[in-house]
């Protein structure tokens, strides 16, 4: 009989250890999921900050701040108008990112046009599982007025902005031109 008690005690001890191991594993999984959730929330906040920095640069007509947001391989195709959803019709009015050329173009824009309003709303932000890429869907309503003749120049629609993480910093690497969607709501 004593041998049986010893065996039962050993079995009970093994079950307690197994239960503790399973509980630890489950807790570890919860901790991992929580950390991933918090990391994604942090990365989403960093992308929102990038959208906000770009908005502030347009608001302040600050070409230097604008060019500081871009990755050297940035590309920016545009549809000929906001209803041209077929990318086969899109154009590259600015070519691949060239810091001085793009900066000069925006300085020229700011000299020729007065900013009437600049409304931007991030509709969605998505970060890759690896945490090294992201995109933001942003509704844009930016109205410029010509300083020469008062003519309006309106940027209105939804853009997809692609970001890549370079070291500790996010940079804008892709931006679609603005497209209007029937279900898009103005904010």
C-alpha atoms as a PDB file:
ATOM      1  CA  UNK A   1       0.000   0.000   0.000  1.00  0.00           C
ATOM      2  CA  UNK A   2       2.718   2.603   0.752  1.00  0.00           C
ATOM      3  CA  UNK A   3       4.043   2.131  -2.751  1.00  0.00           C
ATOM      4  CA  UNK A   4       0.631   3.049  -4.199  1.00  0.00           C
ATOM      5  CA  UNK A   5       0.473   6.197  -2.125  1.00  0.00           C
ATOM      6  CA  UNK A   6       3.886   7.182  -3.381  1.00  0.00           C
ATOM      7  CA  UNK A   7       2.788   6.611  -6.963  1.00  0.00           C
ATOM      8  CA  UNK A   8      -0.392   8.632  -6.448  1.00  0.00           C
ATOM      9  CA  UNK A   9       1.582  11.457  -4.879  1.00  0.00           C
ATOM     10  CA  UNK A  10       4.000  11.422  -7.785  1.00  0.00           C
ATOM     11  CA  UNK A  11       1.124  11.442 -10.271  1.00  0.00           C
ATOM     12  CA  UNK A  12      -0.560  14.293  -8.430  1.00  0.00           C
ATOM     13  CA  UNK A  13       2.682  16.275  -8.333  1.00  0.00           C
ATOM     14  CA  UNK A  14       3.188  15.687 -12.077  1.00  0.00           C
ATOM     15  CA  UNK A  15      -0.358  16.887 -12.803  1.00  0.00           C
ATOM     16  CA  UNK A  16       0.208  20.046 -10.747  1.00  0.00           C
ATOM     17  CA  UNK A  17       3.461  20.727 -12.644  1.00  0.00           C
ATOM     18  CA  UNK A  18       1.725  20.099 -15.974  1.00  0.00           C
ATOM     19  CA  UNK A  19      -1.152  22.366 -14.988  1.00  0.00           C
ATOM     20  CA  UNK A  20       1.308  25.092 -13.944  1.00  0.00           C
ATOM     21  CA  UNK A  21       3.209  24.689 -17.233  1.00  0.00           C
ATOM     22  CA  UNK A  22       0.006  24.951 -19.252  1.00  0.00           C
ATOM     23  CA  UNK A  23      -1.102  27.959 -17.242  1.00  0.00           C
ATOM     24  CA  UNK A  24       2.319  29.575 -17.763  1.00  0.00           C
ATOM     25  CA  UNK A  25       2.160  28.844 -21.499  1.00  0.00           C
ATOM     26  CA  UNK A  26      -1.345  30.319 -21.709  1.00  0.00           C
ATOM     27  CA  UNK A  27      -0.238  33.380 -19.740  1.00  0.00           C
ATOM     28  CA  UNK A  28       2.789  33.764 -21.989  1.00  0.00           C
ATOM     29  CA  UNK A  29       0.535  33.631 -25.059  1.00  0.00           C
ATOM     30  CA  UNK A  30      -1.718  36.286 -23.560  1.00  0.00           C
ATOM     31  CA  UNK A  31       1.322  38.446 -22.784  1.00  0.00           C
ATOM     32  CA  UNK A  32       2.632  37.991 -26.351  1.00  0.00           C
ATOM     33  CA  UNK A  33      -0.737  38.884 -27.841  1.00  0.00           C
ATOM     34  CA  UNK A  34      -0.998  41.918 -25.564  1.00  0.00           C
ATOM     35  CA  UNK A  35       2.509  43.092 -26.495  1.00  0.00           C
ATOM     36  CA  UNK A  36       1.742  42.630 -30.216  1.00  0.00           C
ATOM     37  CA  UNK A  37      -1.515  44.560 -29.802  1.00  0.00           C
ATOM     38  CA  UNK A  38       0.300  47.375 -28.002  1.00  0.00           C
ATOM     39  CA  UNK A  39       3.095  47.375 -30.606  1.00  0.00           C
ATOM     40  CA  UNK A  40       0.548  47.606 -33.427  1.00  0.00           C
ATOM     41  CA  UNK A  41      -1.267  50.407 -31.616  1.00  0.00           C
ATOM     42  CA  UNK A  42       2.068  52.233 -31.204  1.00  0.00           C
ATOM     43  CA  UNK A  43       2.933  51.749 -34.885  1.00  0.00           C
ATOM     44  CA  UNK A  44      -0.542  52.938 -35.922  1.00  0.00           C
ATOM     45  CA  UNK A  45      -0.022  56.027 -33.754  1.00  0.00           C
ATOM     46  CA  UNK A  46       3.340  56.612 -35.494  1.00  0.00           C
ATOM     47  CA  UNK A  47       1.652  56.417 -38.920  1.00  0.00           C
ATOM     48  CA  UNK A  48      -1.081  58.803 -37.744  1.00  0.00           C
ATOM     49  CA  UNK A  49       1.712  61.148 -36.637  1.00  0.00           C
ATOM     50  CA  UNK A  50       3.178  60.939 -40.168  1.00  0.00           C
ATOM     51  CA  UNK A  51      -0.223  61.868 -41.657  1.00  0.00           C
ATOM     52  CA  UNK A  52      -0.439  64.748 -39.167  1.00  0.00           C
ATOM     53  CA  UNK A  53       3.092  65.950 -40.017  1.00  0.00           C
ATOM     54  CA  UNK A  54       2.254  65.978 -43.714  1.00  0.00           C
ATOM     55  CA  UNK A  55      -0.989  67.865 -43.011  1.00  0.00           C
ATOM     56  CA  UNK A  56       0.894  70.451 -40.935  1.00  0.00           C
ATOM     57  CA  UNK A  57       3.494  70.864 -43.700  1.00  0.00           C
ATOM     58  CA  UNK A  58       0.720  71.629 -46.227  1.00  0.00           C
ATOM     59  CA  UNK A  59      -1.021  73.933 -43.720  1.00  0.00           C
ATOM     60  CA  UNK A  60       2.223  75.843 -43.145  1.00  0.00           C
ATOM     61  CA  UNK A  61       3.239  75.661 -46.808  1.00  0.00           C
ATOM     62  CA  UNK A  62       6.552  74.236 -45.652  1.00  0.00           C
ATOM     63  CA  UNK A  63       8.253  72.505 -48.592  1.00  0.00           C
ATOM     64  CA  UNK A  64      11.265  71.484 -46.477  1.00  0.00           C
ATOM     65  CA  UNK A  65       9.050  69.614 -44.006  1.00  0.00           C
ATOM     66  CA  UNK A  66       7.250  67.901 -46.888  1.00  0.00           C
ATOM     67  CA  UNK A  67      10.414  66.561 -48.514  1.00  0.00           C
ATOM     68  CA  UNK A  68      11.689  65.299 -45.146  1.00  0.00           C
ATOM     69  CA  UNK A  69       8.823  62.778 -45.029  1.00  0.00           C
ATOM     70  CA  UNK A  70       9.766  60.879 -48.191  1.00  0.00           C
ATOM     71  CA  UNK A  71      11.843  57.790 -48.797  1.00  0.00           C
ATOM     72  CA  UNK A  72      14.418  58.274 -51.607  1.00  0.00           C
ATOM     73  CA  UNK A  73      12.528  55.678 -53.702  1.00  0.00           C
ATOM     74  CA  UNK A  74       9.155  57.427 -53.319  1.00  0.00           C
ATOM     75  CA  UNK A  75       6.767  57.267 -56.281  1.00  0.00           C
ATOM     76  CA  UNK A  76       3.482  59.123 -56.673  1.00  0.00           C
ATOM     77  CA  UNK A  77       1.236  58.156 -59.610  1.00  0.00           C
ATOM     78  CA  UNK A  78      -1.855  60.251 -60.257  1.00  0.00           C
ATOM     79  CA  UNK A  79      -5.133  59.544 -62.013  1.00  0.00           C
ATOM     80  CA  UNK A  80      -6.026  62.143 -64.663  1.00  0.00           C
ATOM     81  CA  UNK A  81      -9.105  62.954 -62.526  1.00  0.00           C
ATOM     82  CA  UNK A  82     -10.637  61.729 -59.280  1.00  0.00           C
ATOM     83  CA  UNK A  83     -13.048  59.336 -61.033  1.00  0.00           C
ATOM     84  CA  UNK A  84     -10.353  57.456 -63.023  1.00  0.00           C
ATOM     85  CA  UNK A  85     -10.099  54.308 -60.917  1.00  0.00           C
ATOM     86  CA  UNK A  86      -8.352  52.286 -63.638  1.00  0.00           C
ATOM     87  CA  UNK A  87      -4.589  52.607 -63.022  1.00  0.00           C
ATOM     88  CA  UNK A  88      -3.971  51.985 -66.735  1.00  0.00           C
ATOM     89  CA  UNK A  89      -4.912  55.646 -67.294  1.00  0.00           C
ATOM     90  CA  UNK A  90      -2.728  57.100 -64.525  1.00  0.00           C
ATOM     91  CA  UNK A  91       0.302  59.333 -65.065  1.00  0.00           C
ATOM     92  CA  UNK A  92       3.548  60.250 -63.305  1.00  0.00           C
ATOM     93  CA  UNK A  93       3.562  64.069 -63.266  1.00  0.00           C
ATOM     94  CA  UNK A  94       6.468  64.260 -60.811  1.00  0.00           C
ATOM     95  CA  UNK A  95       8.518  61.149 -61.616  1.00  0.00           C
ATOM     96  CA  UNK A  96      10.506  59.304 -58.979  1.00  0.00           C
ATOM     97  CA  UNK A  97      11.319  61.324 -55.870  1.00  0.00           C
ATOM     98  CA  UNK A  98      13.937  63.987 -56.394  1.00  0.00           C
ATOM     99  CA  UNK A  99      14.263  66.133 -53.289  1.00  0.00           C
ATOM    100  CA  UNK A 100      15.238  69.411 -55.006  1.00  0.00           C
ATOM    101  CA  UNK A 101      12.847  69.045 -57.957  1.00  0.00           C
ATOM    102  CA  UNK A 102       9.870  68.205 -55.733  1.00  0.00           C
ATOM    103  CA  UNK A 103      10.740  70.930 -53.224  1.00  0.00           C
ATOM    104  CA  UNK A 104      11.044  73.512 -56.031  1.00  0.00           C
ATOM    105  CA  UNK A 105       7.646  72.432 -57.382  1.00  0.00           C
ATOM    106  CA  UNK A 106       5.973  72.930 -54.012  1.00  0.00           C
ATOM    107  CA  UNK A 107       7.659  76.273 -53.372  1.00  0.00           C
ATOM    108  CA  UNK A 108       6.273  77.330 -56.779  1.00  0.00           C
ATOM    109  CA  UNK A 109       2.798  76.072 -55.799  1.00  0.00           C
ATOM    110  CA  UNK A 110       2.919  78.017 -52.513  1.00  0.00           C
ATOM    111  CA  UNK A 111       3.983  81.212 -54.315  1.00  0.00           C
ATOM    112  CA  UNK A 112       1.194  80.946 -56.893  1.00  0.00           C
ATOM    113  CA  UNK A 113      -1.668  79.675 -54.707  1.00  0.00           C
ATOM    114  CA  UNK A 114      -3.197  80.634 -51.389  1.00  0.00           C
ATOM    115  CA  UNK A 115      -4.400  77.777 -49.179  1.00  0.00           C
ATOM    116  CA  UNK A 116      -8.130  78.147 -48.470  1.00  0.00           C
ATOM    117  CA  UNK A 117      -8.567  74.953 -46.450  1.00  0.00           C
ATOM    118  CA  UNK A 118      -6.839  71.623 -45.893  1.00  0.00           C
ATOM    119  CA  UNK A 119      -9.000  68.899 -44.358  1.00  0.00           C
ATOM    120  CA  UNK A 120      -7.561  65.429 -43.946  1.00  0.00           C
ATOM    121  CA  UNK A 121      -8.956  62.399 -42.167  1.00  0.00           C
ATOM    122  CA  UNK A 122      -7.237  59.030 -41.752  1.00  0.00           C
ATOM    123  CA  UNK A 123      -9.959  56.493 -42.503  1.00  0.00           C
ATOM    124  CA  UNK A 124      -7.819  53.410 -41.928  1.00  0.00           C
ATOM    125  CA  UNK A 125      -4.278  52.587 -40.855  1.00  0.00           C
ATOM    126  CA  UNK A 126      -2.862  49.106 -41.321  1.00  0.00           C
ATOM    127  CA  UNK A 127       0.561  47.883 -40.192  1.00  0.00           C
ATOM    128  CA  UNK A 128       2.227  44.720 -41.491  1.00  0.00           C
ATOM    129  CA  UNK A 129       2.658  41.800 -39.085  1.00  0.00           C
ATOM    130  CA  UNK A 130       6.418  42.374 -39.323  1.00  0.00           C
ATOM    131  CA  UNK A 131       5.986  46.001 -38.272  1.00  0.00           C
ATOM    132  CA  UNK A 132       8.125  47.272 -41.160  1.00  0.00           C
ATOM    133  CA  UNK A 133       5.457  48.458 -43.583  1.00  0.00           C
ATOM    134  CA  UNK A 134       2.134  50.238 -43.303  1.00  0.00           C
ATOM    135  CA  UNK A 135      -0.470  52.124 -45.242  1.00  0.00           C
ATOM    136  CA  UNK A 136      -2.940  54.850 -44.389  1.00  0.00           C
ATOM    137  CA  UNK A 137      -6.140  55.560 -46.263  1.00  0.00           C
ATOM    138  CA  UNK A 138      -6.705  59.312 -46.034  1.00  0.00           C
ATOM    139  CA  UNK A 139      -9.618  61.447 -47.194  1.00  0.00           C
ATOM    140  CA  UNK A 140      -8.293  64.757 -48.505  1.00  0.00           C
ATOM    141  CA  UNK A 141     -10.138  68.002 -49.178  1.00  0.00           C
ATOM    142  CA  UNK A 142      -7.593  70.726 -49.940  1.00  0.00           C
ATOM    143  CA  UNK A 143      -8.635  73.910 -51.707  1.00  0.00           C
ATOM    144  CA  UNK A 144      -6.142  76.370 -53.217  1.00  0.00           C
ATOM    145  CA  UNK A 145      -6.925  79.736 -54.814  1.00  0.00           C
ATOM    146  CA  UNK A 146      -4.751  81.289 -57.500  1.00  0.00           C
ATOM    147  CA  UNK A 147      -3.088  84.480 -56.333  1.00  0.00           C
ATOM    148  CA  UNK A 148      -3.118  85.735 -59.940  1.00  0.00           C
ATOM    149  CA  UNK A 149      -6.758  85.288 -60.968  1.00  0.00           C
ATOM    150  CA  UNK A 150      -8.600  83.748 -57.977  1.00  0.00           C
ATOM    151  CA  UNK A 151      -9.270  80.458 -59.792  1.00  0.00           C
ATOM    152  CA  UNK A 152      -9.822  77.448 -57.543  1.00  0.00           C
ATOM    153  CA  UNK A 153      -7.515  74.437 -57.583  1.00  0.00           C
ATOM    154  CA  UNK A 154      -9.178  71.615 -55.610  1.00  0.00           C
ATOM    155  CA  UNK A 155      -7.624  68.386 -54.365  1.00  0.00           C
ATOM    156  CA  UNK A 156     -10.466  66.138 -53.232  1.00  0.00           C
ATOM    157  CA  UNK A 157     -10.619  62.400 -52.809  1.00  0.00           C
ATOM    158  CA  UNK A 158      -9.165  59.396 -51.039  1.00  0.00           C
ATOM    159  CA  UNK A 159      -5.477  58.476 -51.116  1.00  0.00           C
ATOM    160  CA  UNK A 160      -3.556  55.394 -50.127  1.00  0.00           C
ATOM    161  CA  UNK A 161      -0.231  56.321 -48.540  1.00  0.00           C
ATOM    162  CA  UNK A 162       2.368  53.552 -48.193  1.00  0.00           C
ATOM    163  CA  UNK A 163       5.039  53.749 -45.499  1.00  0.00           C
ATOM    164  CA  UNK A 164       8.242  51.821 -44.905  1.00  0.00           C
ATOM    165  CA  UNK A 165      10.238  51.681 -41.700  1.00  0.00           C
ATOM    166  CA  UNK A 166      13.898  52.645 -42.134  1.00  0.00           C
ATOM    167  CA  UNK A 167      15.715  52.089 -38.861  1.00  0.00           C
ATOM    168  CA  UNK A 168      13.593  53.749 -36.181  1.00  0.00           C
ATOM    169  CA  UNK A 169      11.826  56.083 -38.645  1.00  0.00           C
ATOM    170  CA  UNK A 170       8.810  55.724 -40.911  1.00  0.00           C
ATOM    171  CA  UNK A 171       9.069  57.248 -44.406  1.00  0.00           C
ATOM    172  CA  UNK A 172       6.433  57.714 -47.100  1.00  0.00           C
ATOM    173  CA  UNK A 173       7.386  55.499 -50.046  1.00  0.00           C
ATOM    174  CA  UNK A 174       4.180  55.386 -52.114  1.00  0.00           C
ATOM    175  CA  UNK A 175       1.157  57.620 -52.515  1.00  0.00           C
ATOM    176  CA  UNK A 176      -1.714  57.169 -54.899  1.00  0.00           C
ATOM    177  CA  UNK A 177      -3.375  60.191 -56.404  1.00  0.00           C
ATOM    178  CA  UNK A 178      -6.768  61.191 -55.060  1.00  0.00           C
ATOM    179  CA  UNK A 179      -9.815  59.183 -56.049  1.00  0.00           C
ATOM    180  CA  UNK A 180     -13.463  59.836 -55.219  1.00  0.00           C
ATOM    181  CA  UNK A 181     -15.678  56.983 -54.026  1.00  0.00           C
ATOM    182  CA  UNK A 182     -19.457  57.012 -53.795  1.00  0.00           C
ATOM    183  CA  UNK A 183     -19.458  55.872 -50.158  1.00  0.00           C
ATOM    184  CA  UNK A 184     -16.723  58.342 -49.154  1.00  0.00           C
ATOM    185  CA  UNK A 185     -17.875  60.786 -46.522  1.00  0.00           C
ATOM    186  CA  UNK A 186     -16.438  64.263 -46.127  1.00  0.00           C
ATOM    187  CA  UNK A 187     -15.137  64.997 -42.644  1.00  0.00           C
END
